[in-house]
Amino acid sequence: MADYIVRAAAAGAQVRAFAASTRELAEAARRAHNTSPVATAALGRLMAGGVMMGMMLKGENDLLTLQISGDGPIGGITVTADSQGNVKGYVKEPQVMLPPSPKGKLDVGGAVGKGMLRVIKDMGLKEPYVGQTMLQTGEIAEDLTYYFANSEQTPSTVGLGVLMERDNTVKQAGGFLIQLMPFTGEAVVNRLERNLAEFSTVTRVLEEGKTPEEMLGLLLQGMDWEVLERRPAGFHCNCDKKRVERAIISIGREEISQMISENKDIEVNCQFCNTSYTFSVGELKELLRRCGGSRHRG
């Protein structure tokens, strides 16, 4: 089943909810970065959270970036999502290996460690919105839940999961995000808490063959809910050689001249999708010429 996100409302719009299946995009990221199981789980969870949060963006060109910086061996995770269901991301140390957690699970919290979560929303304004909170567990779902409550003052519950196959490919991945509006009544809160207490885990529900809609059916049971939108989700990086050219030009004449003086091709790697772009000495000379032209006009 192709990855997709569902947006829903319940209890007369007192609750808004999202659920997503993200196995294919998590596996695409694993292949791109050759991540270890625990790094795949960490990146897969943050991408599932990011792709659902991306659906909250209003504008077609709005962008959301989630950055986790911790003192654990993974070093940090960065994920970027748009409002169209596209997401990309990387971890600083993709080969991290750790023993299982005391519960016998992949130790994402141990890999991430203590640190900060930053949420950056670029909505075309002069300055992007930046929210920042301390990591609570490093397990990511709880950290996003805490972010919403503290930085956006929106009571929320986030569930995320990545289940690995024995050959270290992704077996299941997905998540849910439920938020209470300011006018939510106590009866609705109590019902949601009861449903959450009876809910197993994201990966177990997906492993049972349930869809994002059926996941929401369990979470929003008895709350008169409806699906408002379905949207495909996928791992997508918008890098290309032209973008990389602009990045090289932006570093300035001195740096480009230094590259040319070494008289050999250079390779530039995209962090988000691990695609490499090669530039010959001749191409670098052309970029130097363009760098000079743009500086002269300015």
Protein backbone atom coordinates (compact mmCIF):
# COMPACT_ATOMS: atom_id res chain seq x y z
CA MET A 1 0.00 0.00 0.00
CA ALA A 2 1.40 3.40 -0.99
CA ASP A 3 2.07 5.85 1.85
CA TYR A 4 -0.59 8.42 2.63
CA ILE A 5 -1.88 10.77 5.33
CA VAL A 6 -5.45 11.16 6.55
CA ARG A 7 -6.75 14.36 8.15
CA ALA A 8 -9.90 14.08 10.24
CA ALA A 9 -12.11 15.95 12.70
CA ALA A 10 -14.14 14.56 15.59
CA ALA A 11 -16.67 15.56 18.21
CA GLY A 12 -18.01 18.54 16.29
CA ALA A 13 -14.51 19.86 15.41
CA GLN A 14 -13.41 19.76 19.08
CA VAL A 15 -10.67 17.34 18.01
CA ARG A 16 -8.46 17.32 14.93
CA ALA A 17 -6.50 14.24 14.02
CA PHE A 18 -3.99 12.91 11.52
CA ALA A 19 -2.79 9.39 10.81
CA ALA A 20 -0.23 8.19 8.29
CA SER A 21 1.31 5.07 6.85
CA THR A 22 4.96 5.83 6.00
CA ARG A 23 6.67 2.48 5.39
CA GLU A 24 7.77 3.25 1.83
CA LEU A 25 9.20 6.68 2.61
CA ALA A 26 11.04 5.33 5.66
CA GLU A 27 12.50 2.54 3.52
CA ALA A 28 13.48 5.06 0.80
CA ALA A 29 15.37 7.07 3.43
CA ARG A 30 17.02 3.90 4.76
CA ARG A 31 18.25 3.00 1.27
CA ALA A 32 19.43 6.53 0.52
CA HIS A 33 21.47 6.83 3.72
CA ASN A 34 22.25 3.14 4.45
CA THR A 35 21.10 3.70 8.04
CA SER A 36 21.48 1.19 10.86
CA PRO A 37 18.24 -0.18 12.40
CA VAL A 38 18.19 2.31 15.30
CA ALA A 39 19.03 5.23 12.97
CA THR A 40 16.28 4.08 10.57
CA ALA A 41 13.80 4.01 13.45
CA ALA A 42 14.81 7.48 14.67
CA LEU A 43 14.69 9.05 11.20
CA GLY A 44 11.51 7.16 10.26
CA ARG A 45 9.70 8.38 13.37
CA LEU A 46 10.66 12.01 12.85
CA MET A 47 9.69 11.85 9.16
CA ALA A 48 6.28 10.40 10.07
CA GLY A 49 5.78 13.25 12.54
CA GLY A 50 7.04 15.79 10.03
CA VAL A 51 4.83 14.66 7.16
CA MET A 52 1.70 14.91 9.37
CA MET A 53 2.74 18.32 10.71
CA GLY A 54 3.37 19.42 7.13
CA MET A 55 -0.34 18.92 6.43
CA MET A 56 -1.06 21.66 8.96
CA LEU A 57 0.74 24.22 6.80
CA LYS A 58 -1.62 26.51 4.93
CA GLY A 59 0.42 27.71 1.94
CA GLU A 60 1.50 25.62 -1.04
CA ASN A 61 5.11 26.79 -0.66
CA ASP A 62 5.27 26.65 3.16
CA LEU A 63 8.02 24.49 4.61
CA LEU A 64 8.46 22.80 7.98
CA THR A 65 11.83 21.74 9.38
CA LEU A 66 12.27 19.58 12.46
CA GLN A 67 15.74 19.48 14.01
CA ILE A 68 16.75 17.24 16.88
CA SER A 69 20.16 17.86 18.40
CA GLY A 70 21.13 15.51 21.21
CA ASP A 71 24.23 14.31 23.02
CA GLY A 72 23.63 10.68 21.97
CA PRO A 73 25.74 8.85 19.37
CA ILE A 74 23.34 9.63 16.49
CA GLY A 75 24.47 13.27 16.68
CA GLY A 76 21.24 14.81 15.39
CA ILE A 77 18.32 14.40 12.97
CA THR A 78 16.94 16.89 10.45
CA VAL A 79 13.64 16.46 8.59
CA THR A 80 11.95 18.85 6.16
CA ALA A 81 8.32 18.52 5.01
CA ASP A 82 5.98 20.57 2.86
CA SER A 83 2.20 20.88 2.76
CA GLN A 84 1.92 18.47 -0.19
CA GLY A 85 2.99 15.27 1.59
CA ASN A 86 6.67 15.42 0.61
CA VAL A 87 9.31 14.77 3.26
CA LYS A 88 13.06 14.25 3.38
CA GLY A 89 15.60 13.87 6.15
CA TYR A 90 18.93 12.60 7.40
CA VAL A 91 20.78 11.64 10.57
CA LYS A 92 24.30 12.88 11.32
CA GLU A 93 25.67 9.42 12.18
CA PRO A 94 23.70 6.89 10.08
CA GLN A 95 25.72 3.82 11.15
CA VAL A 96 25.06 4.04 14.91
CA MET A 97 24.63 0.62 16.52
CA LEU A 98 23.22 0.20 20.05
CA PRO A 99 22.01 -2.78 22.10
CA PRO A 100 18.22 -3.01 22.54
CA SER A 101 16.51 -0.92 25.22
CA PRO A 102 15.48 -2.60 28.51
CA LYS A 103 12.10 -3.29 26.85
CA GLY A 104 13.85 -5.15 24.02
CA LYS A 105 13.09 -2.39 21.48
CA LEU A 106 15.38 -0.32 19.28
CA ASP A 107 16.89 2.23 21.67
CA VAL A 108 16.02 5.46 19.85
CA GLY A 109 16.11 7.44 23.12
CA GLY A 110 19.62 6.18 23.83
CA ALA A 111 20.77 7.02 20.31
CA VAL A 112 19.35 10.56 20.50
CA GLY A 113 20.25 11.36 24.11
CA LYS A 114 19.48 14.65 25.87
CA GLY A 115 19.13 17.87 23.88
CA MET A 116 16.75 20.12 21.99
CA LEU A 117 13.94 19.92 19.45
CA ARG A 118 13.58 22.88 17.09
CA VAL A 119 10.55 23.40 14.85
CA ILE A 120 11.02 25.92 12.03
CA LYS A 121 8.07 26.99 9.88
CA ASP A 122 8.92 29.00 6.77
CA MET A 123 5.62 30.52 5.64
CA GLY A 124 6.97 33.15 3.27
CA LEU A 125 7.14 35.85 5.93
CA LYS A 126 10.20 37.99 6.58
CA GLU A 127 11.28 35.72 9.43
CA PRO A 128 10.40 32.04 9.89
CA TYR A 129 8.60 30.89 13.03
CA VAL A 130 10.98 29.01 15.35
CA GLY A 131 9.85 27.02 18.38
CA GLN A 132 12.24 25.18 20.66
CA THR A 133 11.81 22.77 23.57
CA MET A 134 13.99 20.40 25.56
CA LEU A 135 13.86 16.76 24.57
CA GLN A 136 11.86 14.77 27.11
CA THR A 137 12.80 11.18 26.25
CA GLY A 138 14.54 11.27 22.86
CA GLU A 139 11.94 8.75 21.67
CA ILE A 140 10.50 11.53 19.42
CA ALA A 141 6.73 10.99 19.83
CA GLU A 142 6.81 12.19 23.44
CA ASP A 143 9.12 15.05 22.44
CA LEU A 144 6.67 16.28 19.78
CA THR A 145 3.78 15.93 22.25
CA TYR A 146 5.70 18.12 24.72
CA TYR A 147 6.56 20.64 22.00
CA PHE A 148 2.90 21.14 21.04
CA ALA A 149 1.83 21.60 24.67
CA ASN A 150 4.62 24.01 25.58
CA SER A 151 5.50 25.90 22.43
CA GLU A 152 2.11 26.04 20.68
CA GLN A 153 -0.10 25.65 23.79
CA THR A 154 -2.08 22.90 22.04
CA PRO A 155 -2.81 19.75 24.06
CA SER A 156 -1.74 16.93 21.74
CA THR A 157 -0.94 13.25 21.61
CA VAL A 158 1.59 11.90 19.12
CA GLY A 159 2.23 8.24 18.38
CA LEU A 160 5.02 7.15 16.02
CA GLY A 161 6.50 3.80 15.14
CA VAL A 162 8.97 2.01 12.88
CA LEU A 163 9.18 -1.80 12.80
CA MET A 164 12.18 -3.46 11.14
CA GLU A 165 12.44 -6.75 9.25
CA ARG A 166 15.16 -9.28 10.13
CA ASP A 167 17.09 -8.13 7.04
CA ASN A 168 16.97 -4.56 8.44
CA THR A 169 14.54 -3.22 5.84
CA VAL A 170 11.47 -1.36 7.08
CA LYS A 171 8.50 -3.63 7.79
CA GLN A 172 6.00 -1.03 9.06
CA ALA A 173 6.09 2.70 9.78
CA GLY A 174 3.55 5.38 10.52
CA GLY A 175 1.98 7.51 13.17
CA PHE A 176 -0.91 9.54 14.50
CA LEU A 177 -1.30 13.08 15.82
CA ILE A 178 -4.38 14.14 17.79
CA GLN A 179 -5.02 17.69 19.01
CA LEU A 180 -7.66 19.20 21.25
CA MET A 181 -9.14 22.57 20.35
CA PRO A 182 -9.46 25.22 23.12
CA PHE A 183 -13.20 24.59 23.52
CA THR A 184 -12.98 20.79 23.91
CA GLY A 185 -15.40 19.50 26.56
CA GLU A 186 -14.45 17.25 29.46
CA ALA A 187 -16.52 14.32 28.17
CA VAL A 188 -14.57 14.35 24.88
CA VAL A 189 -11.24 14.51 26.74
CA ASN A 190 -12.26 11.55 28.93
CA ARG A 191 -13.34 9.49 25.92
CA LEU A 192 -10.10 10.20 24.08
CA GLU A 193 -8.05 9.24 27.14
CA ARG A 194 -9.97 5.95 27.35
CA ASN A 195 -9.37 5.22 23.66
CA LEU A 196 -5.66 5.99 23.98
CA ALA A 197 -5.38 3.68 27.01
CA GLU A 198 -6.89 0.83 24.94
CA PHE A 199 -4.74 1.54 21.85
CA SER A 200 -1.75 -0.80 21.50
CA THR A 201 1.01 0.72 19.33
CA VAL A 202 1.24 2.26 15.89
CA THR A 203 3.34 -0.57 14.45
CA ARG A 204 1.17 -3.31 15.97
CA VAL A 205 -1.96 -1.76 14.47
CA LEU A 206 -0.27 -1.43 11.07
CA GLU A 207 1.10 -4.98 11.35
CA GLU A 208 -2.48 -6.17 11.85
CA GLY A 209 -3.15 -4.78 8.37
CA LYS A 210 -5.11 -1.74 9.50
CA THR A 211 -5.14 1.44 7.42
CA PRO A 212 -4.62 5.00 8.73
CA GLU A 213 -8.42 5.39 8.64
CA GLU A 214 -8.86 2.27 10.78
CA MET A 215 -6.17 3.55 13.15
CA LEU A 216 -8.18 6.74 13.60
CA GLY A 217 -11.31 4.61 14.05
CA LEU A 218 -9.72 3.09 17.15
CA LEU A 219 -8.42 6.40 18.50
CA LEU A 220 -11.61 8.40 17.84
CA GLN A 221 -14.11 5.69 18.65
CA GLY A 222 -17.43 7.03 19.94
CA MET A 223 -16.54 10.61 18.97
CA ASP A 224 -18.52 11.10 15.73
CA TRP A 225 -15.48 11.58 13.48
CA GLU A 226 -15.08 12.10 9.75
CA VAL A 227 -12.25 12.05 7.23
CA LEU A 228 -11.64 15.51 5.75
CA GLU A 229 -8.73 14.78 3.43
CA ARG A 230 -6.43 12.04 2.17
CA ARG A 231 -3.05 12.92 0.71
CA PRO A 232 -0.23 10.77 -0.72
CA ALA A 233 3.06 10.93 1.19
CA GLY A 234 6.55 10.24 -0.09
CA PHE A 235 10.27 10.70 0.40
CA HIS A 236 11.15 13.46 -2.04
CA CYS A 237 14.23 15.67 -2.34
CA ASN A 238 14.10 18.69 -4.63
CA CYS A 239 17.87 18.96 -5.08
CA ASP A 240 19.32 19.18 -8.60
CA LYS A 241 22.56 20.33 -10.19
CA LYS A 242 21.28 23.89 -10.69
CA ARG A 243 20.57 24.25 -6.95
CA VAL A 244 24.03 22.90 -6.14
CA GLU A 245 25.56 25.37 -8.62
CA ARG A 246 23.85 28.24 -6.78
CA ALA A 247 25.18 26.90 -3.48
CA ILE A 248 28.74 26.79 -4.84
CA ILE A 249 28.44 30.33 -6.25
CA SER A 250 27.21 31.52 -2.84
CA ILE A 251 30.46 30.48 -1.11
CA GLY A 252 32.35 33.17 -3.04
CA ARG A 253 35.21 33.69 -5.48
CA GLU A 254 38.03 32.86 -3.08
CA GLU A 255 36.71 29.38 -2.23
CA ILE A 256 35.92 28.56 -5.86
CA SER A 257 39.38 29.74 -6.97
CA GLN A 258 40.91 27.46 -4.33
CA MET A 259 38.95 24.49 -5.75
CA ILE A 260 40.12 25.32 -9.29
CA SER A 261 43.77 25.60 -8.17
CA GLU A 262 43.67 21.96 -7.04
CA ASN A 263 42.96 21.05 -10.71
CA LYS A 264 40.61 18.15 -10.07
CA ASP A 265 36.90 17.43 -10.14
CA ILE A 266 34.93 18.10 -6.97
CA GLU A 267 31.99 16.11 -5.66
CA VAL A 268 29.15 17.76 -3.74
CA ASN A 269 26.81 15.54 -1.76
CA CYS A 270 23.18 16.35 -0.83
CA GLN A 271 22.70 15.59 2.87
CA PHE A 272 18.99 14.92 2.48
CA CYS A 273 19.04 12.26 -0.26
CA ASN A 274 22.75 11.38 -0.51
CA THR A 275 22.86 12.21 -4.24
CA SER A 276 26.32 13.26 -5.44
CA TYR A 277 26.96 15.95 -8.04
CA THR A 278 30.33 16.16 -9.81
CA PHE A 279 31.79 19.42 -11.14
CA SER A 280 34.76 19.47 -13.49
CA VAL A 281 37.45 22.16 -13.36
CA GLY A 282 35.87 23.67 -16.48
CA GLU A 283 32.47 23.85 -14.79
CA LEU A 284 34.04 25.45 -11.72
CA LYS A 285 35.67 28.10 -13.94
CA GLU A 286 32.25 28.86 -15.44
CA LEU A 287 30.77 29.19 -11.93
CA LEU A 288 33.64 31.52 -10.99
CA ARG A 289 32.85 33.64 -14.04
CA ARG A 290 29.16 33.77 -13.04
CA CYS A 291 30.16 34.59 -9.47
CA GLY A 292 32.16 37.54 -10.73
CA GLY A 293 29.32 38.69 -12.96
CA SER A 294 26.72 38.63 -10.18
CA ARG A 295 29.06 40.45 -7.83
CA HIS A 296 29.82 43.12 -10.44
CA ARG A 297 26.14 43.79 -11.14
CA GLY A 298 25.39 44.06 -7.42
